[in-house]
Amino acid sequence: MTASDSAPKKAKHPVRKLLVRWMGPPLARGVYRSLSGSWRYVTENEGILTELLSGDRPIVGAFLHSRTFQLLRYFSYPSRGRWMLMCSRSSDGDVMTSVEESLGYRVARGSSGSGGARALAEMIKAQREDPQLNSCLAVDGSRGPRGVAQLGILTLARKTNGMLLPVAASTPTCWVNPRSWDRTAIPKLGAVIHVLIGEPIAVPRQLDEMQVEEMRTRLQERLISMHLDLDARVGFKDSQPLQLQQEVPAAAAVAAA
């Protein structure tokens, strides 16, 4: 073993970590509020959401991770109910949690990579205790593959007796982050964002393995179809597909219990 081998490893980019931790949240909140305050929403089938909000079953909203920024503001309005989200424990997750909580969301910390099962259990418990509290999950998780539905959202719907609600969002006036795994689409100042509310899906409490996979595929196909339709109609284009043709990773089985 050489001296260099035995020497303690230095933390990578300590200044950057400090800046992200302390300056990231307030900066992100300010930028997001400035941008989103200029956005205008056009909703299709909003009556479906209104009817579900007046019902006696909680809602489990399903969306694609790449459209998170477009939907955060939309569901933050009091007339659209109270919502709980899941956000990763990473430093980026700290920033996002700050933004989400400032908009009035309740946030459970965890992801498919770390603490996801615990965060999911927290969301299930919260919705059981408060049926008027709704939840949202990105169907493709926090790491992807892009556009491939994971199993966590089905578990959330099953164990809360919640109605699964597919939601699509699209705007041609946006930046697409080519370095993000999901190709995050961030609306620009003054963007008009179109939101498409899909037909709700009732998820039975008892499902065998084959039925779970059928339900997962059904949700995935519906969301992709909704986005393809909406993107085409509003004029949003991306050089990469909405969905990567990959199998669901084994880690996704966290939610099958």
Protein backbone atom coordinates (compact mmCIF):
# COMPACT_ATOMS: atom_id res chain seq x y z
CA MET A 1 0.00 0.00 0.00
CA THR A 2 1.44 3.37 -1.01
CA ALA A 3 1.16 6.63 0.90
CA SER A 4 -1.41 7.80 -1.57
CA ASP A 5 -3.43 4.63 -1.00
CA SER A 6 -3.49 5.09 2.78
CA ALA A 7 -4.23 8.82 2.70
CA PRO A 8 -7.84 9.73 3.48
CA LYS A 9 -9.89 10.55 0.44
CA LYS A 10 -10.93 14.16 0.11
CA ALA A 11 -14.60 14.97 -0.25
CA LYS A 12 -15.48 15.83 -3.80
CA HIS A 13 -16.50 19.41 -4.52
CA PRO A 14 -17.19 20.47 -0.89
CA VAL A 15 -17.86 24.06 -1.94
CA ARG A 16 -20.41 22.97 -4.52
CA LYS A 17 -22.16 20.75 -1.96
CA LEU A 18 -22.31 23.64 0.49
CA LEU A 19 -23.72 25.98 -2.12
CA VAL A 20 -26.34 23.45 -3.21
CA ARG A 21 -27.35 22.73 0.36
CA TRP A 22 -27.67 26.30 1.64
CA MET A 23 -28.23 28.45 -1.44
CA GLY A 24 -29.97 25.97 -3.72
CA PRO A 25 -33.39 25.80 -1.99
CA PRO A 26 -34.13 29.55 -1.75
CA LEU A 27 -32.75 30.16 -5.23
CA ALA A 28 -34.83 27.32 -6.70
CA ARG A 29 -37.96 28.53 -4.93
CA GLY A 30 -37.51 32.02 -6.30
CA VAL A 31 -36.80 30.89 -9.86
CA TYR A 32 -39.67 28.40 -9.93
CA ARG A 33 -42.18 30.86 -8.50
CA SER A 34 -41.10 33.55 -10.97
CA LEU A 35 -41.38 31.21 -13.93
CA SER A 36 -44.53 29.36 -12.90
CA GLY A 37 -46.32 32.55 -11.96
CA SER A 38 -46.27 33.49 -15.65
CA TRP A 39 -47.63 30.18 -16.91
CA ARG A 40 -51.17 29.69 -18.11
CA TYR A 41 -52.90 26.32 -17.96
CA VAL A 42 -55.41 24.85 -20.38
CA THR A 43 -57.08 21.74 -18.99
CA GLU A 44 -58.88 18.97 -20.84
CA ASN A 45 -61.34 16.79 -18.91
CA GLU A 46 -60.98 18.79 -15.69
CA GLY A 47 -64.46 17.57 -14.74
CA ILE A 48 -62.97 14.15 -14.06
CA LEU A 49 -60.61 15.60 -11.47
CA THR A 50 -63.36 17.74 -9.92
CA GLU A 51 -65.63 14.70 -9.54
CA LEU A 52 -62.90 12.61 -7.95
CA LEU A 53 -62.02 15.40 -5.51
CA SER A 54 -65.62 15.47 -4.30
CA GLY A 55 -65.71 11.68 -3.88
CA ASP A 56 -64.89 9.56 -0.84
CA ARG A 57 -61.79 7.84 -2.22
CA PRO A 58 -58.30 9.37 -2.34
CA ILE A 59 -56.66 10.05 -5.68
CA VAL A 60 -53.32 8.60 -6.73
CA GLY A 61 -52.06 10.79 -9.58
CA ALA A 62 -49.78 9.17 -12.17
CA PHE A 63 -47.46 11.23 -14.39
CA LEU A 64 -44.15 11.04 -16.24
CA HIS A 65 -41.09 12.26 -14.35
CA SER A 66 -40.08 14.54 -17.24
CA ARG A 67 -43.24 16.63 -16.81
CA THR A 68 -42.86 17.22 -13.05
CA PHE A 69 -42.10 20.95 -13.34
CA GLN A 70 -45.16 21.48 -15.53
CA LEU A 71 -47.52 19.86 -13.03
CA LEU A 72 -46.21 21.10 -9.68
CA ARG A 73 -47.81 24.51 -10.05
CA TYR A 74 -51.00 23.07 -11.53
CA PHE A 75 -51.80 20.83 -8.55
CA SER A 76 -50.73 23.42 -5.98
CA TYR A 77 -53.91 25.48 -6.35
CA PRO A 78 -56.27 24.91 -3.37
CA SER A 79 -59.20 24.16 -5.70
CA ARG A 80 -57.35 21.05 -6.87
CA GLY A 81 -57.12 19.47 -3.44
CA ARG A 82 -54.29 18.59 -1.06
CA TRP A 83 -51.44 16.42 -2.30
CA MET A 84 -48.50 14.40 -1.04
CA LEU A 85 -45.41 13.68 -3.14
CA MET A 86 -42.27 11.59 -2.91
CA CYS A 87 -38.84 13.17 -3.39
CA SER A 88 -35.37 11.63 -3.25
CA ARG A 89 -32.93 12.07 -0.36
CA SER A 90 -30.22 13.47 -2.63
CA SER A 91 -28.96 17.05 -2.56
CA ASP A 92 -31.05 17.72 -5.67
CA GLY A 93 -33.96 16.19 -3.76
CA ASP A 94 -33.37 18.71 -0.95
CA VAL A 95 -33.81 21.51 -3.47
CA MET A 96 -36.94 19.97 -4.99
CA THR A 97 -38.44 19.29 -1.57
CA SER A 98 -37.98 22.95 -0.68
CA VAL A 99 -39.83 23.99 -3.84
CA GLU A 100 -42.63 21.47 -3.32
CA GLU A 101 -43.18 22.33 0.34
CA SER A 102 -43.25 26.04 -0.48
CA LEU A 103 -46.12 25.27 -2.85
CA GLY A 104 -48.07 23.55 -0.08
CA TYR A 105 -47.26 19.90 -0.78
CA ARG A 106 -46.55 17.32 1.88
CA VAL A 107 -43.38 15.42 0.96
CA ALA A 108 -42.13 11.92 1.83
CA ARG A 109 -38.38 11.52 1.30
CA GLY A 110 -37.15 8.48 -0.59
CA SER A 111 -36.65 7.00 -4.05
CA SER A 112 -36.11 3.68 -5.83
CA GLY A 113 -32.42 4.03 -5.00
CA SER A 114 -32.72 4.86 -1.30
CA GLY A 115 -35.56 4.84 1.20
CA GLY A 116 -38.30 4.28 -1.36
CA ALA A 117 -40.09 1.55 0.58
CA ARG A 118 -40.15 3.66 3.74
CA ALA A 119 -41.40 6.74 1.89
CA LEU A 120 -44.10 4.66 0.21
CA ALA A 121 -45.19 3.31 3.59
CA GLU A 122 -45.35 6.88 4.90
CA MET A 123 -47.59 7.91 2.02
CA ILE A 124 -49.88 4.91 2.51
CA LYS A 125 -50.22 5.64 6.22
CA ALA A 126 -50.90 9.33 5.59
CA GLN A 127 -53.67 8.63 3.07
CA ARG A 128 -55.29 6.00 5.25
CA GLU A 129 -55.44 8.46 8.13
CA ASP A 130 -56.66 11.32 5.94
CA PRO A 131 -58.81 10.18 2.96
CA GLN A 132 -58.96 13.79 1.71
CA LEU A 133 -55.19 13.77 1.20
CA ASN A 134 -54.28 12.78 -2.36
CA SER A 135 -50.92 11.63 -3.70
CA CYS A 136 -48.88 11.81 -6.89
CA LEU A 137 -46.03 9.63 -8.12
CA ALA A 138 -43.93 9.69 -11.26
CA VAL A 139 -44.64 6.29 -12.75
CA ASP A 140 -41.08 5.89 -14.04
CA GLY A 141 -39.61 6.61 -10.62
CA SER A 142 -36.57 8.73 -9.87
CA ARG A 143 -34.09 6.84 -12.05
CA GLY A 144 -36.09 5.37 -14.90
CA PRO A 145 -35.97 3.81 -17.40
CA ARG A 146 -37.74 6.78 -18.98
CA GLY A 147 -41.42 6.16 -19.58
CA VAL A 148 -41.40 2.67 -18.03
CA ALA A 149 -43.92 2.36 -15.20
CA GLN A 150 -42.66 0.99 -11.89
CA LEU A 151 -44.77 -0.94 -9.41
CA GLY A 152 -44.79 1.50 -6.50
CA ILE A 153 -47.76 3.50 -7.72
CA LEU A 154 -49.89 0.36 -7.99
CA THR A 155 -49.07 -0.56 -4.40
CA LEU A 156 -50.00 2.95 -3.28
CA ALA A 157 -53.38 2.73 -5.03
CA ARG A 158 -54.08 -0.80 -3.79
CA LYS A 159 -53.27 -0.15 -0.15
CA THR A 160 -55.10 3.20 0.09
CA ASN A 161 -58.15 2.19 -1.98
CA GLY A 162 -57.22 5.15 -4.14
CA MET A 163 -58.35 5.88 -7.68
CA LEU A 164 -55.44 5.87 -10.11
CA LEU A 165 -55.54 9.03 -12.24
CA PRO A 166 -53.27 9.35 -15.32
CA VAL A 167 -52.28 12.96 -16.03
CA ALA A 168 -50.34 14.31 -19.02
CA ALA A 169 -48.83 17.76 -19.48
CA SER A 170 -47.18 19.40 -22.48
CA THR A 171 -46.01 22.74 -23.85
CA PRO A 172 -43.92 23.59 -26.89
CA THR A 173 -42.46 26.58 -25.03
CA CYS A 174 -39.88 24.84 -22.88
CA TRP A 175 -36.27 23.83 -22.37
CA VAL A 176 -35.42 20.11 -22.54
CA ASN A 177 -32.50 19.00 -20.40
CA PRO A 178 -30.51 16.57 -22.61
CA ARG A 179 -28.36 15.42 -19.69
CA SER A 180 -31.20 14.22 -17.47
CA TRP A 181 -32.24 10.57 -17.75
CA ASP A 182 -35.87 11.63 -18.25
CA ARG A 183 -35.17 14.62 -20.52
CA THR A 184 -36.90 17.02 -18.15
CA ALA A 185 -39.04 19.61 -19.94
CA ILE A 186 -39.04 22.98 -18.12
CA PRO A 187 -41.56 25.57 -19.34
CA LYS A 188 -40.24 29.00 -20.25
CA LEU A 189 -41.56 32.35 -19.09
CA GLY A 190 -45.13 32.87 -20.29
CA ALA A 191 -45.63 29.27 -21.44
CA VAL A 192 -49.11 27.90 -22.05
CA ILE A 193 -49.21 24.42 -20.54
CA HIS A 194 -51.82 21.92 -21.66
CA VAL A 195 -52.95 19.36 -19.08
CA LEU A 196 -54.88 16.27 -20.08
CA ILE A 197 -56.75 14.41 -17.33
CA GLY A 198 -57.21 10.75 -18.22
CA GLU A 199 -59.91 8.26 -17.29
CA PRO A 200 -59.41 7.01 -13.72
CA ILE A 201 -58.44 3.41 -13.09
CA ALA A 202 -59.81 1.42 -10.16
CA VAL A 203 -57.12 -0.89 -8.78
CA PRO A 204 -58.40 -3.97 -6.91
CA ARG A 205 -56.83 -4.63 -3.51
CA GLN A 206 -56.12 -8.26 -4.35
CA LEU A 207 -54.07 -8.93 -7.49
CA ASP A 208 -51.91 -11.87 -8.46
CA GLU A 209 -48.54 -11.40 -10.15
CA MET A 210 -49.96 -11.59 -13.66
CA GLN A 211 -52.73 -9.11 -12.88
CA VAL A 212 -50.22 -6.67 -11.37
CA GLU A 213 -48.17 -6.78 -14.57
CA GLU A 214 -51.27 -6.31 -16.69
CA MET A 215 -52.26 -3.27 -14.61
CA ARG A 216 -48.75 -1.84 -14.81
CA THR A 217 -48.69 -2.24 -18.59
CA ARG A 218 -52.17 -0.75 -18.90
CA LEU A 219 -51.18 2.36 -16.94
CA GLN A 220 -47.91 2.73 -18.85
CA GLU A 221 -49.55 2.42 -22.26
CA ARG A 222 -52.29 4.88 -21.34
CA LEU A 223 -49.85 7.53 -20.11
CA ILE A 224 -47.58 7.20 -23.13
CA SER A 225 -50.57 7.35 -25.47
CA MET A 226 -51.93 10.44 -23.72
CA HIS A 227 -48.58 12.23 -24.02
CA LEU A 228 -48.05 11.28 -27.65
CA ASP A 229 -51.49 12.65 -28.45
CA LEU A 230 -51.07 15.83 -26.40
CA ASP A 231 -47.52 16.53 -27.62
CA ALA A 232 -48.64 16.19 -31.24
CA ARG A 233 -51.60 18.52 -30.78
CA VAL A 234 -49.73 21.29 -28.92
CA GLY A 235 -46.58 21.09 -31.05
CA PHE A 236 -44.01 19.80 -28.55
CA LYS A 237 -41.16 17.89 -30.19
CA ASP A 238 -38.14 16.08 -28.78
CA SER A 239 -35.32 14.29 -30.56
CA GLN A 240 -35.61 11.36 -28.14
CA PRO A 241 -38.63 9.08 -27.51
CA LEU A 242 -40.87 9.35 -24.46
CA GLN A 243 -40.13 5.77 -23.53
CA LEU A 244 -37.00 3.65 -23.45
CA GLN A 245 -37.63 0.07 -24.47
CA GLN A 246 -36.23 -1.65 -21.41
CA GLU A 247 -37.53 -4.15 -18.92
CA VAL A 248 -38.69 -2.97 -15.52
CA PRO A 249 -35.64 -3.13 -13.21
CA ALA A 250 -35.67 -5.65 -10.37
CA ALA A 251 -35.58 -2.79 -7.85
CA ALA A 252 -39.09 -1.86 -8.93
CA ALA A 253 -40.38 -4.97 -7.20
CA VAL A 254 -40.15 -2.95 -3.97
CA ALA A 255 -43.81 -2.10 -4.44
CA ALA A 256 -45.26 -5.48 -5.28
CA ALA A 257 -45.69 -6.42 -1.62
